[in-house]
């Protein structure tokens, strides 16, 4: 599916650098998708597939969960995630992986 999208993108826009996902609307043709457009696309996929509680934030949590399982330190984790503080919401564990099994939720 990804290869098909890349072929379609090249046919529609030619060889473009920068953002992978581009708008096909007449108003913003070829422009980078906005966060609002991307949210609407994911919401539409969720509705069509019958998946409840799927959002762009779901993918953020999946990515951050993988990083926690890779035993990133809490400082590395919060820096990547863009959080303002490295204070965990559950314990004072030194790794994000050590924190989450104790019931902590990602910020």
C-alpha atoms as a PDB file:
ATOM      1  CA  UNK A   1       0.000   0.000   0.000  1.00  0.00           C
ATOM      2  CA  UNK A   2       2.859   2.378   0.845  1.00  0.00           C
ATOM      3  CA  UNK A   3       4.594   1.697  -2.501  1.00  0.00           C
ATOM      4  CA  UNK A   4       1.308   2.388  -4.302  1.00  0.00           C
ATOM      5  CA  UNK A   5       0.954   5.699  -2.457  1.00  0.00           C
ATOM      6  CA  UNK A   6       4.498   6.706  -3.397  1.00  0.00           C
ATOM      7  CA  UNK A   7       3.770   5.969  -7.081  1.00  0.00           C
ATOM      8  CA  UNK A   8       0.521   7.938  -6.872  1.00  0.00           C
ATOM      9  CA  UNK A   9       2.284  10.844  -5.131  1.00  0.00           C
ATOM     10  CA  UNK A  10       5.011  10.968  -7.787  1.00  0.00           C
ATOM     11  CA  UNK A  11       2.382  10.967 -10.569  1.00  0.00           C
ATOM     12  CA  UNK A  12       0.361  13.767  -8.919  1.00  0.00           C
ATOM     13  CA  UNK A  13       3.154  16.016  -7.667  1.00  0.00           C
ATOM     14  CA  UNK A  14       6.384  14.916  -9.318  1.00  0.00           C
ATOM     15  CA  UNK A  15       9.496  14.528  -7.223  1.00  0.00           C
ATOM     16  CA  UNK A  16       9.033  16.620  -4.117  1.00  0.00           C
ATOM     17  CA  UNK A  17      11.228  16.845  -1.076  1.00  0.00           C
ATOM     18  CA  UNK A  18       9.926  17.589   2.359  1.00  0.00           C
ATOM     19  CA  UNK A  19       6.642  16.292   3.702  1.00  0.00           C
ATOM     20  CA  UNK A  20       5.613  12.791   2.708  1.00  0.00           C
ATOM     21  CA  UNK A  21       1.862  13.359   2.838  1.00  0.00           C
ATOM     22  CA  UNK A  22       0.528  16.060   0.517  1.00  0.00           C
ATOM     23  CA  UNK A  23      -2.880  17.624   0.056  1.00  0.00           C
ATOM     24  CA  UNK A  24      -4.843  16.838  -3.088  1.00  0.00           C
ATOM     25  CA  UNK A  25      -7.498  19.493  -2.498  1.00  0.00           C
ATOM     26  CA  UNK A  26      -7.779  22.222  -5.155  1.00  0.00           C
ATOM     27  CA  UNK A  27      -7.247  24.888  -2.502  1.00  0.00           C
ATOM     28  CA  UNK A  28      -4.014  23.465  -1.052  1.00  0.00           C
ATOM     29  CA  UNK A  29      -2.841  21.211  -3.880  1.00  0.00           C
ATOM     30  CA  UNK A  30       0.591  19.791  -3.128  1.00  0.00           C
ATOM     31  CA  UNK A  31       0.882  21.496   0.261  1.00  0.00           C
ATOM     32  CA  UNK A  32       1.870  19.579   3.363  1.00  0.00           C
ATOM     33  CA  UNK A  33      -1.140  18.122   5.182  1.00  0.00           C
ATOM     34  CA  UNK A  34      -2.129  20.146   8.211  1.00  0.00           C
ATOM     35  CA  UNK A  35      -2.557  18.450  11.562  1.00  0.00           C
ATOM     36  CA  UNK A  36      -6.303  19.047  11.237  1.00  0.00           C
ATOM     37  CA  UNK A  37      -6.461  17.367   7.829  1.00  0.00           C
ATOM     38  CA  UNK A  38      -4.455  14.414   9.123  1.00  0.00           C
ATOM     39  CA  UNK A  39      -6.843  14.080  12.114  1.00  0.00           C
ATOM     40  CA  UNK A  40      -9.841  14.025   9.757  1.00  0.00           C
ATOM     41  CA  UNK A  41      -8.171  11.375   7.584  1.00  0.00           C
ATOM     42  CA  UNK A  42      -7.433   9.121  10.562  1.00  0.00           C
ATOM     43  CA  UNK A  43     -10.966   9.673  11.892  1.00  0.00           C
ATOM     44  CA  UNK A  44     -12.362   8.633   8.495  1.00  0.00           C
ATOM     45  CA  UNK A  45     -10.217   5.491   8.463  1.00  0.00           C
ATOM     46  CA  UNK A  46     -11.470   4.630  11.960  1.00  0.00           C
ATOM     47  CA  UNK A  47     -15.112   5.066  10.952  1.00  0.00           C
ATOM     48  CA  UNK A  48     -14.730   3.031   7.745  1.00  0.00           C
ATOM     49  CA  UNK A  49     -12.873   0.218   9.526  1.00  0.00           C
ATOM     50  CA  UNK A  50     -15.152   0.152  12.558  1.00  0.00           C
ATOM     51  CA  UNK A  51     -12.251   0.703  14.957  1.00  0.00           C
ATOM     52  CA  UNK A  52     -13.352   2.580  18.036  1.00  0.00           C
ATOM     53  CA  UNK A  53     -11.041   5.029  19.809  1.00  0.00           C
ATOM     54  CA  UNK A  54      -8.554   5.388  16.950  1.00  0.00           C
ATOM     55  CA  UNK A  55      -7.003   8.827  16.630  1.00  0.00           C
ATOM     56  CA  UNK A  56      -3.706  10.434  15.708  1.00  0.00           C
ATOM     57  CA  UNK A  57      -2.889  10.350  19.413  1.00  0.00           C
ATOM     58  CA  UNK A  58      -3.191   6.540  19.301  1.00  0.00           C
ATOM     59  CA  UNK A  59      -0.160   6.436  16.997  1.00  0.00           C
ATOM     60  CA  UNK A  60       1.761   8.761  19.307  1.00  0.00           C
ATOM     61  CA  UNK A  61       1.121   6.374  22.192  1.00  0.00           C
ATOM     62  CA  UNK A  62       2.170   3.359  20.103  1.00  0.00           C
ATOM     63  CA  UNK A  63       5.459   5.043  19.211  1.00  0.00           C
ATOM     64  CA  UNK A  64       6.138   6.149  22.769  1.00  0.00           C
ATOM     65  CA  UNK A  65       5.296   2.685  24.097  1.00  0.00           C
ATOM     66  CA  UNK A  66       7.889   1.174  21.758  1.00  0.00           C
ATOM     67  CA  UNK A  67      10.484   3.669  22.995  1.00  0.00           C
ATOM     68  CA  UNK A  68       9.658   2.834  26.616  1.00  0.00           C
ATOM     69  CA  UNK A  69      10.071  -0.867  25.864  1.00  0.00           C
ATOM     70  CA  UNK A  70      13.460  -0.074  24.295  1.00  0.00           C
ATOM     71  CA  UNK A  71      14.428   1.153  27.778  1.00  0.00           C
ATOM     72  CA  UNK A  72      15.071   4.777  26.927  1.00  0.00           C
ATOM     73  CA  UNK A  73      15.888   6.809  30.017  1.00  0.00           C
ATOM     74  CA  UNK A  74      13.112   9.022  31.277  1.00  0.00           C
ATOM     75  CA  UNK A  75      15.063  12.130  30.210  1.00  0.00           C
ATOM     76  CA  UNK A  76      15.507  10.805  26.639  1.00  0.00           C
ATOM     77  CA  UNK A  77      11.878   9.777  26.534  1.00  0.00           C
ATOM     78  CA  UNK A  78      10.439  13.093  27.689  1.00  0.00           C
ATOM     79  CA  UNK A  79      12.751  15.072  25.420  1.00  0.00           C
ATOM     80  CA  UNK A  80      11.598  13.068  22.392  1.00  0.00           C
ATOM     81  CA  UNK A  81       7.955  13.217  23.461  1.00  0.00           C
ATOM     82  CA  UNK A  82       8.140  16.980  23.900  1.00  0.00           C
ATOM     83  CA  UNK A  83       7.072  16.958  27.544  1.00  0.00           C
ATOM     84  CA  UNK A  84       8.112  19.893  29.663  1.00  0.00           C
ATOM     85  CA  UNK A  85       9.142  17.813  32.670  1.00  0.00           C
ATOM     86  CA  UNK A  86      10.759  14.445  33.189  1.00  0.00           C
ATOM     87  CA  UNK A  87       8.830  13.770  36.393  1.00  0.00           C
ATOM     88  CA  UNK A  88       6.836  10.563  35.856  1.00  0.00           C
ATOM     89  CA  UNK A  89       3.209  10.430  36.894  1.00  0.00           C
ATOM     90  CA  UNK A  90       3.637   7.127  38.741  1.00  0.00           C
ATOM     91  CA  UNK A  91       7.054   6.502  40.278  1.00  0.00           C
ATOM     92  CA  UNK A  92      10.620   7.765  40.273  1.00  0.00           C
ATOM     93  CA  UNK A  93      11.915   4.991  38.027  1.00  0.00           C
ATOM     94  CA  UNK A  94      14.995   5.801  35.934  1.00  0.00           C
ATOM     95  CA  UNK A  95      13.596   4.341  32.729  1.00  0.00           C
ATOM     96  CA  UNK A  96      10.260   4.865  31.038  1.00  0.00           C
ATOM     97  CA  UNK A  97       9.844   1.092  30.672  1.00  0.00           C
ATOM     98  CA  UNK A  98      10.193   0.703  34.430  1.00  0.00           C
ATOM     99  CA  UNK A  99       7.527   3.322  34.999  1.00  0.00           C
ATOM    100  CA  UNK A 100       4.692   2.198  32.726  1.00  0.00           C
ATOM    101  CA  UNK A 101       3.995  -1.283  34.088  1.00  0.00           C
ATOM    102  CA  UNK A 102       3.187   0.363  37.435  1.00  0.00           C
ATOM    103  CA  UNK A 103       0.086   1.936  35.942  1.00  0.00           C
ATOM    104  CA  UNK A 104       1.617   5.121  34.560  1.00  0.00           C
ATOM    105  CA  UNK A 105       0.098   6.635  31.464  1.00  0.00           C
ATOM    106  CA  UNK A 106       2.054   8.548  28.848  1.00  0.00           C
ATOM    107  CA  UNK A 107       1.671  12.293  28.916  1.00  0.00           C
END
